Amino acid sequence: MSLDDRKLEVLRAIVEDYVETQEPVGSKALVERHALGVSPATVRNDMAVLEEEGYIRQPHTSAGRVPTDAGYRLFVDRLSKVKPLTPAERRAIERFLIGAVDLDDVVHRTVRLLAQLTRQVAVVQYPSLARSSVRHLELVPISTTRLMLVMIADTGRVEQRLVELPGPVPADDVTDLRRRVNEKLAGQRLSDTPPLVQGLVDECAPGNRATMACLASVLLETLVERSEERLALAGTANLTRGGVLDFQGTLRPVLEALEEEVILLKLIGDLEPSKTRVRIGDENKIDNLRSASVVSTGYGPGATIVGGLGVLGPTRMDYPGTIATVRAVARYVGDLLAQN
């Protein structure tokens, strides 16, 4: 059955009231709070149809109804309008993020800001090395036989490794090594660097080849093999703010899922540019999160996506406000990375 406009309005009212009050919604309250232009009896009939179609349900013997996952999905897809952020909210985001001193600071400010603004659990992925390019490679002599290799990505991410050399290397040779690796690798995507690193060894003078081979081994480990992703998490305490019907009455499965980085990366990774993904309840492929909703998007400078961010909370979520906040924060973080 296709729902007419009035029944859709009733569903919209039920979702908005339940999100705000955390209480099951009855027909009398709907008529009092919303200009539906019909009697409570008509609203009751509409609610019966919505229940039959699987968009709302009766949680217990009360007269009220609450939305189902299907009801929330219909609300997100057809009934809700993304709330524009107020100028004050936009200024607050800008002020909070603009003071960041480095990438770690950007990520930690972002995750705290998202948790505060949405009152949900926030997750931010550090810029992925797999999607990054080399900005600069620095070689810092620790002793005549040891170097510190510092790789700075175009996203601001920094990786450091110790290089054990086969024998003493003069300072002039270190300078020459630094020049060679930067000429070869600066500006290249990390995923494209393995043949270039091998080229550094092949092109090296025989006397320096053993040193370059040691450096190349660590370079490959830094640029390609060490591909673990990092995450920041904030706002877990927000999970306790809800009502008894949130998370089907138990937080344990959700908390267990939040401890698994692989699960969190699945939630906020693999996102397309300028696309916001909303997964509601059973739409989540992870069993422990079938009582939760996740709103996520990608971020990065310009049209380039270097990482994901998002929030997780109960299905009883302020979707229009949450979607707007997640999008706005992602846009500001992308702008910040583009400027720096």
Protein backbone atom coordinates (compact mmCIF):
# COMPACT_ATOMS: atom_id res chain seq x y z
CA MET A 1 0.00 0.00 0.00
CA SER A 2 1.33 3.43 -0.85
CA LEU A 3 0.80 5.84 2.02
CA ASP A 4 -1.07 9.06 1.34
CA ASP A 5 0.28 12.45 2.41
CA ARG A 6 -1.74 12.53 5.64
CA LYS A 7 -0.43 9.18 6.85
CA LEU A 8 3.10 10.30 6.00
CA GLU A 9 2.50 13.46 8.06
CA VAL A 10 1.30 11.29 10.97
CA LEU A 11 4.46 9.19 10.68
CA ARG A 12 6.63 12.30 10.58
CA ALA A 13 4.91 13.61 13.73
CA ILE A 14 5.36 10.27 15.53
CA VAL A 15 9.09 10.15 14.72
CA GLU A 16 9.68 13.78 15.76
CA ASP A 17 7.73 13.43 19.01
CA TYR A 18 9.34 10.12 19.99
CA VAL A 19 12.85 11.43 19.28
CA GLU A 20 12.14 14.49 21.43
CA THR A 21 10.20 12.94 24.34
CA GLN A 22 11.53 9.32 24.45
CA GLU A 23 7.93 8.32 25.19
CA PRO A 24 5.59 6.22 22.99
CA VAL A 25 3.28 8.56 21.09
CA GLY A 26 -0.55 8.43 21.23
CA SER A 27 -3.15 9.85 18.85
CA LYS A 28 -4.42 12.44 21.37
CA ALA A 29 -0.93 13.88 21.88
CA LEU A 30 -0.36 14.02 18.10
CA VAL A 31 -3.55 16.02 17.52
CA GLU A 32 -2.65 18.41 20.36
CA ARG A 33 0.95 18.97 19.29
CA HIS A 34 0.63 19.02 15.49
CA ALA A 35 -1.71 20.83 13.10
CA LEU A 36 -2.88 17.65 11.38
CA GLY A 37 -6.37 19.05 10.71
CA VAL A 38 -8.18 15.79 11.60
CA SER A 39 -9.76 14.19 14.66
CA PRO A 40 -8.01 11.79 17.06
CA ALA A 41 -10.19 8.97 15.65
CA THR A 42 -8.86 9.60 12.12
CA VAL A 43 -5.30 9.71 13.45
CA ARG A 44 -5.93 6.40 15.24
CA ASN A 45 -7.06 4.86 11.95
CA ASP A 46 -3.96 6.21 10.19
CA MET A 47 -1.76 4.82 12.97
CA ALA A 48 -3.44 1.40 12.57
CA VAL A 49 -2.50 1.43 8.86
CA LEU A 50 1.08 2.53 9.65
CA GLU A 51 1.34 -0.29 12.18
CA GLU A 52 -0.03 -2.83 9.73
CA GLU A 53 2.49 -1.68 7.13
CA GLY A 54 5.36 -2.09 9.62
CA TYR A 55 6.30 1.58 10.10
CA ILE A 56 5.34 1.85 13.77
CA ARG A 57 4.85 -0.64 16.60
CA GLN A 58 3.35 -0.86 20.08
CA PRO A 59 6.24 -1.47 22.51
CA HIS A 60 4.01 -2.62 25.39
CA THR A 61 0.45 -2.29 26.60
CA SER A 62 0.48 1.53 26.52
CA ALA A 63 -1.68 3.30 23.96
CA GLY A 64 1.39 4.86 22.37
CA ARG A 65 3.41 3.77 19.34
CA VAL A 66 7.08 4.07 18.41
CA PRO A 67 8.73 4.02 14.95
CA THR A 68 10.28 0.81 13.60
CA ASP A 69 13.54 0.72 11.60
CA ALA A 70 11.38 0.87 8.44
CA GLY A 71 9.58 3.93 9.83
CA TYR A 72 12.85 5.72 10.50
CA ARG A 73 14.11 4.78 7.02
CA LEU A 74 11.00 6.24 5.36
CA PHE A 75 11.39 9.35 7.52
CA VAL A 76 15.05 9.81 6.51
CA ASP A 77 14.45 9.13 2.81
CA ARG A 78 11.19 11.01 2.22
CA LEU A 79 10.00 13.06 5.16
CA SER A 80 12.93 14.79 6.83
CA LYS A 81 14.66 17.94 5.69
CA VAL A 82 18.28 18.37 6.77
CA LYS A 83 18.36 21.14 9.36
CA PRO A 84 20.73 23.92 8.31
CA LEU A 85 23.20 24.79 11.05
CA THR A 86 22.72 28.17 12.67
CA PRO A 87 25.40 30.83 12.07
CA ALA A 88 26.38 30.45 15.75
CA GLU A 89 26.89 26.68 15.31
CA ARG A 90 28.97 27.24 12.18
CA ARG A 91 31.14 29.82 13.94
CA ALA A 92 31.60 27.45 16.89
CA ILE A 93 32.79 24.64 14.59
CA GLU A 94 35.16 26.96 12.76
CA ARG A 95 36.60 28.46 15.96
CA PHE A 96 37.05 25.06 17.57
CA LEU A 97 38.86 23.50 14.60
CA ILE A 98 40.90 26.50 13.48
CA GLY A 99 43.06 26.41 16.63
CA ALA A 100 44.41 22.91 15.85
CA VAL A 101 48.22 22.78 15.79
CA ASP A 102 48.79 19.46 13.97
CA LEU A 103 46.95 16.45 12.54
CA ASP A 104 46.55 14.71 15.92
CA ASP A 105 45.01 17.88 17.29
CA VAL A 106 42.67 18.17 14.27
CA VAL A 107 41.44 14.59 14.71
CA HIS A 108 40.95 14.85 18.47
CA ARG A 109 39.20 18.22 18.25
CA THR A 110 36.97 16.85 15.48
CA VAL A 111 35.89 13.76 17.39
CA ARG A 112 35.16 15.74 20.59
CA LEU A 113 33.24 18.37 18.62
CA LEU A 114 31.10 15.75 16.84
CA ALA A 115 30.26 14.03 20.13
CA GLN A 116 29.32 17.34 21.79
CA LEU A 117 27.20 18.65 18.91
CA THR A 118 25.28 15.43 18.19
CA ARG A 119 25.27 13.98 21.76
CA GLN A 120 26.16 10.61 20.23
CA VAL A 121 29.33 8.47 20.04
CA ALA A 122 31.69 10.02 17.49
CA VAL A 123 34.34 8.17 15.44
CA VAL A 124 36.99 9.81 13.25
CA GLN A 125 39.45 7.90 11.09
CA TYR A 126 42.91 9.41 10.73
CA PRO A 127 43.73 10.20 7.09
CA SER A 128 44.38 6.82 5.51
CA LEU A 129 47.94 6.23 4.35
CA ALA A 130 46.52 4.17 1.50
CA ARG A 131 44.90 7.34 0.14
CA SER A 132 47.79 9.71 0.90
CA SER A 133 50.77 11.06 -1.04
CA VAL A 134 54.31 11.76 0.14
CA ARG A 135 54.87 15.42 0.97
CA HIS A 136 58.42 15.13 2.31
CA LEU A 137 60.91 12.57 3.62
CA GLU A 138 63.40 13.64 6.26
CA LEU A 139 66.52 11.71 7.32
CA VAL A 140 67.80 12.67 10.77
CA PRO A 141 71.23 11.26 11.80
CA ILE A 142 71.06 9.67 15.28
CA SER A 143 74.62 8.36 15.04
CA THR A 144 76.98 7.46 12.17
CA THR A 145 75.19 4.10 11.79
CA ARG A 146 71.59 5.05 12.61
CA LEU A 147 69.06 7.37 10.95
CA MET A 148 65.56 8.44 11.87
CA LEU A 149 63.30 8.34 8.78
CA VAL A 150 60.37 10.77 9.03
CA MET A 151 57.65 10.53 6.37
CA ILE A 152 55.21 13.46 6.16
CA ALA A 153 52.09 12.79 4.08
CA ASP A 154 50.12 15.44 2.21
CA THR A 155 47.34 14.97 4.78
CA GLY A 156 49.66 15.96 7.63
CA ARG A 157 50.05 12.40 8.91
CA VAL A 158 53.60 11.70 10.15
CA GLU A 159 55.28 8.29 10.38
CA GLN A 160 58.71 7.71 11.94
CA ARG A 161 61.04 4.68 11.64
CA LEU A 162 64.58 3.90 12.78
CA VAL A 163 67.05 2.83 10.06
CA GLU A 164 70.02 0.66 11.11
CA LEU A 165 72.81 1.22 8.56
CA PRO A 166 75.38 -1.45 7.54
CA GLY A 167 78.29 0.84 8.44
CA PRO A 168 79.21 4.47 9.26
CA VAL A 169 77.76 7.02 6.79
CA PRO A 170 79.24 10.55 6.51
CA ALA A 171 76.93 13.57 6.87
CA ASP A 172 77.40 14.51 3.20
CA ASP A 173 76.17 11.08 2.14
CA VAL A 174 73.07 11.48 4.36
CA THR A 175 72.36 14.80 2.61
CA ASP A 176 72.70 13.04 -0.76
CA LEU A 177 70.37 10.21 0.35
CA ARG A 178 67.78 12.77 1.52
CA ARG A 179 67.91 14.57 -1.83
CA ARG A 180 67.59 11.35 -3.83
CA VAL A 181 64.59 9.95 -1.92
CA ASN A 182 62.72 13.25 -2.10
CA GLU A 183 63.39 13.73 -5.81
CA LYS A 184 62.07 10.23 -6.45
CA LEU A 185 59.14 10.01 -4.01
CA ALA A 186 57.84 13.48 -3.08
CA GLY A 187 54.36 14.02 -4.53
CA GLN A 188 53.80 10.32 -5.27
CA ARG A 189 50.83 8.37 -3.90
CA LEU A 190 52.03 5.93 -1.27
CA SER A 191 50.43 3.04 -3.14
CA ASP A 192 52.56 3.88 -6.23
CA THR A 193 55.93 4.00 -4.45
CA PRO A 194 57.22 0.34 -4.35
CA PRO A 195 58.75 0.30 -7.89
CA LEU A 196 60.18 3.79 -7.29
CA VAL A 197 61.86 2.65 -4.06
CA GLN A 198 63.37 -0.33 -5.89
CA GLY A 199 64.56 2.13 -8.55
CA LEU A 200 66.47 4.08 -5.86
CA VAL A 201 68.51 0.94 -5.09
CA ASP A 202 69.07 0.04 -8.75
CA GLU A 203 70.26 3.56 -9.64
CA CYS A 204 72.59 3.89 -6.65
CA ALA A 205 76.40 3.81 -7.01
CA PRO A 206 77.80 0.38 -5.99
CA GLY A 207 79.61 1.86 -2.96
CA ASN A 208 76.35 3.22 -1.48
CA ARG A 209 74.05 0.42 -2.57
CA ALA A 210 74.10 -1.46 0.76
CA THR A 211 73.16 1.73 2.63
CA MET A 212 70.38 2.55 0.15
CA ALA A 213 69.08 -1.05 0.38
CA CYS A 214 68.71 -0.72 4.19
CA LEU A 215 66.95 2.63 3.74
CA ALA A 216 64.74 1.20 0.97
CA SER A 217 63.62 -1.67 3.21
CA VAL A 218 62.46 0.76 5.90
CA LEU A 219 60.93 3.07 3.26
CA LEU A 220 58.76 0.22 1.96
CA GLU A 221 57.71 -0.69 5.47
CA THR A 222 56.79 2.96 6.14
CA LEU A 223 55.09 3.74 2.84
CA VAL A 224 53.31 0.49 2.02
CA GLU A 225 53.50 -2.38 4.47
CA ARG A 226 52.57 -0.52 7.63
CA SER A 227 49.03 0.18 6.48
CA GLU A 228 47.20 -0.07 9.80
CA GLU A 229 44.53 2.58 10.19
CA ARG A 230 44.08 4.72 13.27
CA LEU A 231 40.86 5.95 14.84
CA ALA A 232 39.73 8.38 17.50
CA LEU A 233 36.57 7.79 19.56
CA ALA A 234 34.64 10.12 21.88
CA GLY A 235 31.28 10.42 23.62
CA THR A 236 30.72 6.81 24.69
CA ALA A 237 28.96 8.12 27.83
CA ASN A 238 26.30 9.62 25.54
CA LEU A 239 24.95 6.09 25.02
CA THR A 240 23.52 6.19 28.54
CA ARG A 241 21.42 9.33 27.93
CA GLY A 242 18.50 7.54 26.28
CA GLY A 243 15.32 5.83 27.38
CA VAL A 244 14.62 2.19 28.27
CA LEU A 245 13.63 1.32 24.69
CA ASP A 246 16.97 2.45 23.21
CA PHE A 247 19.35 -0.35 22.15
CA GLN A 248 16.68 -2.94 22.95
CA GLY A 249 17.33 -2.43 26.64
CA THR A 250 21.02 -3.43 26.74
CA LEU A 251 24.20 -1.51 25.90
CA ARG A 252 26.61 -4.44 26.16
CA PRO A 253 26.62 -5.51 22.46
CA VAL A 254 27.13 -1.90 21.34
CA LEU A 255 29.98 -1.33 23.80
CA GLU A 256 31.64 -4.57 22.67
CA ALA A 257 31.41 -3.45 19.04
CA LEU A 258 32.96 -0.06 19.87
CA GLU A 259 36.05 -1.84 21.24
CA GLU A 260 36.77 -3.42 17.84
CA GLU A 261 38.68 -1.09 15.50
CA VAL A 262 37.96 -3.35 12.51
CA ILE A 263 34.21 -2.89 13.11
CA LEU A 264 34.55 0.88 13.47
CA LEU A 265 36.53 1.11 10.23
CA LYS A 266 33.78 -0.81 8.43
CA LEU A 267 31.24 1.68 9.77
CA ILE A 268 32.96 4.84 8.57
CA GLY A 269 35.36 3.65 5.84
CA ASP A 270 34.82 3.13 2.10
CA LEU A 271 32.79 6.29 1.60
CA GLU A 272 32.25 8.15 -1.62
CA PRO A 273 32.93 11.89 -1.91
CA SER A 274 30.12 14.19 -0.74
CA LYS A 275 27.89 11.24 0.17
CA THR A 276 26.38 10.81 3.62
CA ARG A 277 25.49 7.26 4.59
CA VAL A 278 22.73 6.50 7.12
CA ARG A 279 22.40 2.94 8.39
CA ILE A 280 19.43 2.24 10.64
CA GLY A 281 19.07 -0.73 12.98
CA ASP A 282 18.96 -3.99 11.04
CA GLU A 283 20.59 -2.31 8.02
CA ASN A 284 23.87 -2.61 9.95
CA LYS A 285 25.67 -5.78 8.87
CA ILE A 286 27.30 -6.10 12.31
CA ASP A 287 25.02 -8.08 14.66
CA ASN A 288 26.00 -6.12 17.78
CA LEU A 289 24.87 -2.87 16.15
CA ARG A 290 21.40 -3.92 14.96
CA SER A 291 19.87 -1.74 17.67
CA ALA A 292 21.88 1.34 16.62
CA SER A 293 22.04 3.86 13.80
CA VAL A 294 25.20 5.17 12.15
CA VAL A 295 25.53 8.42 10.18
CA SER A 296 28.87 8.71 8.36
CA THR A 297 30.62 10.54 5.55
CA GLY A 298 34.08 10.90 4.02
CA TYR A 299 36.32 13.93 4.45
CA GLY A 300 39.37 15.32 2.72
CA PRO A 301 40.80 18.29 0.84
CA GLY A 302 38.64 19.21 -2.16
CA ALA A 303 37.09 16.17 -3.83
CA THR A 304 39.72 13.80 -2.40
CA ILE A 305 38.54 11.48 0.38
CA VAL A 306 41.32 10.62 2.85
CA GLY A 307 39.27 9.27 5.77
CA GLY A 308 35.82 8.80 7.24
CA LEU A 309 33.98 10.23 10.22
CA GLY A 310 30.58 9.67 11.74
CA VAL A 311 28.41 9.14 14.78
CA LEU A 312 26.66 6.16 16.31
CA GLY A 313 23.59 6.30 18.54
CA PRO A 314 20.16 4.79 19.13
CA THR A 315 17.74 4.42 16.22
CA ARG A 316 15.75 7.11 18.07
CA MET A 317 18.07 9.77 16.67
CA ASP A 318 17.59 13.35 15.50
CA TYR A 319 18.44 12.39 11.91
CA PRO A 320 18.05 15.84 10.26
CA GLY A 321 20.26 17.53 12.87
CA THR A 322 22.81 14.74 12.99
CA ILE A 323 23.18 14.51 9.20
CA ALA A 324 23.67 18.29 8.95
CA THR A 325 26.31 18.30 11.71
CA VAL A 326 28.27 15.35 10.31
CA ARG A 327 28.32 16.96 6.84
CA ALA A 328 29.33 20.38 8.17
CA VAL A 329 32.15 19.06 10.37
CA ALA A 330 33.48 16.92 7.49
CA ARG A 331 33.47 19.97 5.20
CA TYR A 332 35.37 22.12 7.73
CA VAL A 333 37.97 19.40 8.35
CA GLY A 334 38.44 19.02 4.57
CA ASP A 335 38.93 22.78 4.21
CA LEU A 336 41.45 22.74 7.05
CA LEU A 337 43.46 19.95 5.39
CA ALA A 338 43.34 21.80 2.06
CA GLN A 339 44.75 24.99 3.65
CA ASN A 340 47.57 23.14 5.39
